[in-house]
Amino acid sequence: MYEHYFQCPYCWEEISVLLDPSVKAQTYIEDCEVCCNPIEFHVNFDNSELQGFEVRNVEQ
């Protein structure tokens, strides 16, 4: 597992997420541990190295 720090797109708090480098392309939704709003994650790995990481607000 790989711990990555980022800023929540809702409350702007710095939080971390555990990423699995064995899965090359990942898209999923997880709630912010501070404000509980849903965050959409887009993560890409190449040879177990993080190549892309993007978070977005989830349109409701």
PDB file of N, CA and C in Angstrom:
ATOM      1  N   MET A   1       0.839  -1.181   0.000  1.00  0.00           N
ATOM      2  CA  MET A   1       0.000   0.000   0.000  1.00  0.00           C
ATOM      3  C   MET A   1       0.885   1.246   0.000  1.00  0.00           C
ATOM      4  N   TYR A   2       0.307   2.302  -0.489  1.00  0.00           N
ATOM      5  CA  TYR A   2       1.028   3.555  -0.676  1.00  0.00           C
ATOM      6  C   TYR A   2       0.174   4.674  -0.088  1.00  0.00           C
ATOM      7  N   GLU A   3       0.676   5.410   0.902  1.00  0.00           N
ATOM      8  CA  GLU A   3      -0.079   6.503   1.513  1.00  0.00           C
ATOM      9  C   GLU A   3       0.179   7.788   0.736  1.00  0.00           C
ATOM     10  N   HIS A   4      -0.923   8.453   0.345  1.00  0.00           N
ATOM     11  CA  HIS A   4      -0.824   9.686  -0.432  1.00  0.00           C
ATOM     12  C   HIS A   4      -1.633  10.775   0.264  1.00  0.00           C
ATOM     13  N   TYR A   5      -1.029  11.947   0.440  1.00  0.00           N
ATOM     14  CA  TYR A   5      -1.701  13.083   1.068  1.00  0.00           C
ATOM     15  C   TYR A   5      -2.246  14.017  -0.004  1.00  0.00           C
ATOM     16  N   PHE A   6      -3.429  14.572   0.249  1.00  0.00           N
ATOM     17  CA  PHE A   6      -4.064  15.497  -0.693  1.00  0.00           C
ATOM     18  C   PHE A   6      -5.006  16.423   0.068  1.00  0.00           C
ATOM     19  N   GLN A   7      -5.526  17.415  -0.630  1.00  0.00           N
ATOM     20  CA  GLN A   7      -6.431  18.385  -0.026  1.00  0.00           C
ATOM     21  C   GLN A   7      -7.865  18.063  -0.454  1.00  0.00           C
ATOM     22  N   CYS A   8      -8.768  17.976   0.508  1.00  0.00           N
ATOM     23  CA  CYS A   8     -10.171  17.693   0.215  1.00  0.00           C
ATOM     24  C   CYS A   8     -10.736  18.823  -0.655  1.00  0.00           C
ATOM     25  N   PRO A   9     -11.458  18.487  -1.737  1.00  0.00           N
ATOM     26  CA  PRO A   9     -12.028  19.527  -2.599  1.00  0.00           C
ATOM     27  C   PRO A   9     -13.232  20.246  -1.991  1.00  0.00           C
ATOM     28  N   TYR A  10     -13.684  19.820  -0.821  1.00  0.00           N
ATOM     29  CA  TYR A  10     -14.806  20.472  -0.151  1.00  0.00           C
ATOM     30  C   TYR A  10     -14.335  21.353   1.009  1.00  0.00           C
ATOM     31  N   CYS A  11     -13.630  20.758   1.967  1.00  0.00           N
ATOM     32  CA  CYS A  11     -13.266  21.480   3.194  1.00  0.00           C
ATOM     33  C   CYS A  11     -11.819  21.957   3.188  1.00  0.00           C
ATOM     34  N   TRP A  12     -11.030  21.547   2.185  1.00  0.00           N
ATOM     35  CA  TRP A  12      -9.635  21.963   1.982  1.00  0.00           C
ATOM     36  C   TRP A  12      -8.677  21.453   3.053  1.00  0.00           C
ATOM     37  N   GLU A  13      -9.131  20.520   3.897  1.00  0.00           N
ATOM     38  CA  GLU A  13      -8.240  19.919   4.885  1.00  0.00           C
ATOM     39  C   GLU A  13      -7.301  18.934   4.194  1.00  0.00           C
ATOM     40  N   GLU A  14      -6.073  18.830   4.695  1.00  0.00           N
ATOM     41  CA  GLU A  14      -5.146  17.838   4.171  1.00  0.00           C
ATOM     42  C   GLU A  14      -5.456  16.499   4.822  1.00  0.00           C
ATOM     43  N   ILE A  15      -5.726  15.494   4.002  1.00  0.00           N
ATOM     44  CA  ILE A  15      -6.018  14.156   4.488  1.00  0.00           C
ATOM     45  C   ILE A  15      -5.191  13.162   3.669  1.00  0.00           C
ATOM     46  N   SER A  16      -5.200  11.918   4.085  1.00  0.00           N
ATOM     47  CA  SER A  16      -4.446  10.908   3.355  1.00  0.00           C
ATOM     48  C   SER A  16      -5.355   9.762   2.950  1.00  0.00           C
ATOM     49  N   VAL A  17      -4.898   9.034   1.954  1.00  0.00           N
ATOM     50  CA  VAL A  17      -5.615   7.863   1.469  1.00  0.00           C
ATOM     51  C   VAL A  17      -4.573   6.784   1.179  1.00  0.00           C
ATOM     52  N   LEU A  18      -4.950   5.529   1.386  1.00  0.00           N
ATOM     53  CA  LEU A  18      -4.068   4.414   1.047  1.00  0.00           C
ATOM     54  C   LEU A  18      -4.393   3.946  -0.367  1.00  0.00           C
ATOM     55  N   LEU A  19      -3.360   3.877  -1.211  1.00  0.00           N
ATOM     56  CA  LEU A  19      -3.525   3.480  -2.606  1.00  0.00           C
ATOM     57  C   LEU A  19      -2.862   2.130  -2.839  1.00  0.00           C
ATOM     58  N   ASP A  20      -3.459   1.337  -3.715  1.00  0.00           N
ATOM     59  CA  ASP A  20      -2.939   0.017  -4.045  1.00  0.00           C
ATOM     60  C   ASP A  20      -2.254   0.072  -5.409  1.00  0.00           C
ATOM     61  N   PRO A  21      -0.915   0.037  -5.459  1.00  0.00           N
ATOM     62  CA  PRO A  21      -0.208   0.144  -6.735  1.00  0.00           C
ATOM     63  C   PRO A  21      -0.326  -1.095  -7.627  1.00  0.00           C
ATOM     64  N   SER A  22      -0.930  -2.172  -7.144  1.00  0.00           N
ATOM     65  CA  SER A  22      -1.086  -3.370  -7.970  1.00  0.00           C
ATOM     66  C   SER A  22      -2.218  -3.211  -8.993  1.00  0.00           C
ATOM     67  N   VAL A  23      -3.054  -2.175  -8.830  1.00  0.00           N
ATOM     68  CA  VAL A  23      -4.137  -1.889  -9.776  1.00  0.00           C
ATOM     69  C   VAL A  23      -3.740  -0.649 -10.555  1.00  0.00           C
ATOM     70  N   LYS A  24      -3.514  -0.793 -11.877  1.00  0.00           N
ATOM     71  CA  LYS A  24      -2.969   0.300 -12.690  1.00  0.00           C
ATOM     72  C   LYS A  24      -3.872   1.524 -12.758  1.00  0.00           C
ATOM     73  N   ALA A  25      -5.150   1.345 -13.044  1.00  0.00           N
ATOM     74  CA  ALA A  25      -6.088   2.464 -13.188  1.00  0.00           C
ATOM     75  C   ALA A  25      -7.253   2.250 -12.222  1.00  0.00           C
ATOM     76  N   GLN A  26      -7.525   3.260 -11.406  1.00  0.00           N
ATOM     77  CA  GLN A  26      -8.565   3.151 -10.391  1.00  0.00           C
ATOM     78  C   GLN A  26      -9.451   4.389 -10.424  1.00  0.00           C
ATOM     79  N   THR A  27     -10.743   4.175 -10.323  1.00  0.00           N
ATOM     80  CA  THR A  27     -11.718   5.254 -10.156  1.00  0.00           C
ATOM     81  C   THR A  27     -12.693   4.779  -9.096  1.00  0.00           C
ATOM     82  N   TYR A  28     -12.848   5.568  -8.050  1.00  0.00           N
ATOM     83  CA  TYR A  28     -13.759   5.180  -6.976  1.00  0.00           C
ATOM     84  C   TYR A  28     -14.181   6.405  -6.188  1.00  0.00           C
ATOM     85  N   ILE A  29     -15.177   6.242  -5.331  1.00  0.00           N
ATOM     86  CA  ILE A  29     -15.696   7.318  -4.484  1.00  0.00           C
ATOM     87  C   ILE A  29     -15.504   6.922  -3.037  1.00  0.00           C
ATOM     88  N   GLU A  30     -14.990   7.869  -2.255  1.00  0.00           N
ATOM     89  CA  GLU A  30     -14.775   7.653  -0.825  1.00  0.00           C
ATOM     90  C   GLU A  30     -15.110   8.961  -0.116  1.00  0.00           C
ATOM     91  N   ASP A  31     -15.698   8.866   1.075  1.00  0.00           N
ATOM     92  CA  ASP A  31     -16.056  10.066   1.833  1.00  0.00           C
ATOM     93  C   ASP A  31     -14.833  10.676   2.507  1.00  0.00           C
ATOM     94  N   CYS A  32     -14.810  12.000   2.573  1.00  0.00           N
ATOM     95  CA  CYS A  32     -13.760  12.717   3.305  1.00  0.00           C
ATOM     96  C   CYS A  32     -13.867  12.360   4.784  1.00  0.00           C
ATOM     97  N   GLU A  33     -12.733  12.064   5.408  1.00  0.00           N
ATOM     98  CA  GLU A  33     -12.744  11.692   6.828  1.00  0.00           C
ATOM     99  C   GLU A  33     -12.989  12.883   7.737  1.00  0.00           C
ATOM    100  N   VAL A  34     -12.931  14.113   7.206  1.00  0.00           N
ATOM    101  CA  VAL A  34     -13.160  15.310   8.011  1.00  0.00           C
ATOM    102  C   VAL A  34     -14.597  15.822   7.847  1.00  0.00           C
ATOM    103  N   CYS A  35     -15.005  16.085   6.586  1.00  0.00           N
ATOM    104  CA  CYS A  35     -16.317  16.701   6.359  1.00  0.00           C
ATOM    105  C   CYS A  35     -17.379  15.715   5.859  1.00  0.00           C
ATOM    106  N   CYS A  36     -16.993  14.478   5.572  1.00  0.00           N
ATOM    107  CA  CYS A  36     -17.894  13.384   5.167  1.00  0.00           C
ATOM    108  C   CYS A  36     -18.523  13.559   3.782  1.00  0.00           C
ATOM    109  N   ASN A  37     -18.073  14.512   2.979  1.00  0.00           N
ATOM    110  CA  ASN A  37     -18.581  14.659   1.619  1.00  0.00           C
ATOM    111  C   ASN A  37     -17.920  13.633   0.710  1.00  0.00           C
ATOM    112  N   PRO A  38     -18.637  13.171  -0.336  1.00  0.00           N
ATOM    113  CA  PRO A  38     -18.084  12.163  -1.234  1.00  0.00           C
ATOM    114  C   PRO A  38     -17.055  12.760  -2.197  1.00  0.00           C
ATOM    115  N   ILE A  39     -15.918  12.091  -2.323  1.00  0.00           N
ATOM    116  CA  ILE A  39     -14.831  12.520  -3.199  1.00  0.00           C
ATOM    117  C   ILE A  39     -14.633  11.453  -4.263  1.00  0.00           C
ATOM    118  N   GLU A  40     -14.537  11.870  -5.533  1.00  0.00           N
ATOM    119  CA  GLU A  40     -14.262  10.950  -6.630  1.00  0.00           C
ATOM    120  C   GLU A  40     -12.758  10.932  -6.884  1.00  0.00           C
ATOM    121  N   PHE A  41     -12.172   9.746  -6.838  1.00  0.00           N
ATOM    122  CA  PHE A  41     -10.735   9.561  -7.021  1.00  0.00           C
ATOM    123  C   PHE A  41     -10.454   8.969  -8.398  1.00  0.00           C
ATOM    124  N   HIS A  42      -9.422   9.487  -9.055  1.00  0.00           N
ATOM    125  CA  HIS A  42      -8.898   8.929 -10.304  1.00  0.00           C
ATOM    126  C   HIS A  42      -7.404   8.751 -10.079  1.00  0.00           C
ATOM    127  N   VAL A  43      -6.948   7.488 -10.093  1.00  0.00           N
ATOM    128  CA  VAL A  43      -5.563   7.156  -9.747  1.00  0.00           C
ATOM    129  C   VAL A  43      -4.976   6.266 -10.837  1.00  0.00           C
ATOM    130  N   ASN A  44      -3.741   6.553 -11.239  1.00  0.00           N
ATOM    131  CA  ASN A  44      -3.038   5.747 -12.239  1.00  0.00           C
ATOM    132  C   ASN A  44      -1.637   5.414 -11.749  1.00  0.00           C
ATOM    133  N   PHE A  45      -1.263   4.151 -11.909  1.00  0.00           N
ATOM    134  CA  PHE A  45       0.081   3.678 -11.579  1.00  0.00           C
ATOM    135  C   PHE A  45       0.736   3.114 -12.832  1.00  0.00           C
ATOM    136  N   ASP A  46       2.042   3.221 -12.914  1.00  0.00           N
ATOM    137  CA  ASP A  46       2.827   2.577 -13.961  1.00  0.00           C
ATOM    138  C   ASP A  46       4.058   1.982 -13.297  1.00  0.00           C
ATOM    139  N   ASN A  47       4.233   0.669 -13.433  1.00  0.00           N
ATOM    140  CA  ASN A  47       5.336  -0.030 -12.760  1.00  0.00           C
ATOM    141  C   ASN A  47       5.368   0.268 -11.261  1.00  0.00           C
ATOM    142  N   SER A  48       4.207   0.259 -10.647  1.00  0.00           N
ATOM    143  CA  SER A  48       4.031   0.500  -9.210  1.00  0.00           C
ATOM    144  C   SER A  48       4.408   1.917  -8.764  1.00  0.00           C
ATOM    145  N   GLU A  49       4.563   2.847  -9.706  1.00  0.00           N
ATOM    146  CA  GLU A  49       4.827   4.248  -9.361  1.00  0.00           C
ATOM    147  C   GLU A  49       3.595   5.079  -9.701  1.00  0.00           C
ATOM    148  N   LEU A  50       3.228   5.971  -8.790  1.00  0.00           N
ATOM    149  CA  LEU A  50       2.072   6.831  -8.993  1.00  0.00           C
ATOM    150  C   LEU A  50       2.334   7.783 -10.152  1.00  0.00           C
ATOM    151  N   GLN A  51       1.497   7.724 -11.189  1.00  0.00           N
ATOM    152  CA  GLN A  51       1.644   8.569 -12.371  1.00  0.00           C
ATOM    153  C   GLN A  51       0.581   9.657 -12.422  1.00  0.00           C
ATOM    154  N   GLY A  52      -0.580   9.394 -11.845  1.00  0.00           N
ATOM    155  CA  GLY A  52      -1.662  10.372 -11.869  1.00  0.00           C
ATOM    156  C   GLY A  52      -2.549  10.234 -10.654  1.00  0.00           C
ATOM    157  N   PHE A  53      -2.912  11.379 -10.085  1.00  0.00           N
ATOM    158  CA  PHE A  53      -3.811  11.383  -8.926  1.00  0.00           C
ATOM    159  C   PHE A  53      -4.672  12.628  -9.033  1.00  0.00           C
ATOM    160  N   GLU A  54      -5.995  12.439  -9.098  1.00  0.00           N
ATOM    161  CA  GLU A  54      -6.916  13.560  -9.189  1.00  0.00           C
ATOM    162  C   GLU A  54      -8.129  13.274  -8.318  1.00  0.00           C
ATOM    163  N   VAL A  55      -8.589  14.291  -7.595  1.00  0.00           N
ATOM    164  CA  VAL A  55      -9.813  14.173  -6.818  1.00  0.00           C
ATOM    165  C   VAL A  55     -10.783  15.251  -7.284  1.00  0.00           C
ATOM    166  N   ARG A  56     -12.072  14.915  -7.234  1.00  0.00           N
ATOM    167  CA  ARG A  56     -13.119  15.852  -7.677  1.00  0.00           C
ATOM    168  C   ARG A  56     -14.305  15.787  -6.730  1.00  0.00           C
ATOM    169  N   ASN A  57     -15.071  16.880  -6.716  1.00  0.00           N
ATOM    170  CA  ASN A  57     -16.372  16.870  -6.042  1.00  0.00           C
ATOM    171  C   ASN A  57     -17.269  15.910  -6.793  1.00  0.00           C
ATOM    172  N   VAL A  58     -18.132  15.226  -6.096  1.00  0.00           N
ATOM    173  CA  VAL A  58     -19.113  14.363  -6.733  1.00  0.00           C
ATOM    174  C   VAL A  58     -20.359  15.193  -6.958  1.00  0.00           C
ATOM    175  N   GLU A  59     -20.791  15.275  -8.218  1.00  0.00           N
ATOM    176  CA  GLU A  59     -22.002  16.021  -8.556  1.00  0.00           C
ATOM    177  C   GLU A  59     -23.220  15.253  -8.047  1.00  0.00           C
ATOM    178  N   GLN A  60     -24.043  15.939  -7.271  1.00  0.00           N
ATOM    179  CA  GLN A  60     -25.239  15.279  -6.724  1.00  0.00           C
ATOM    180  C   GLN A  60     -26.484  15.913  -7.274  1.00  0.00           C
TER     181      GLN A  60
END
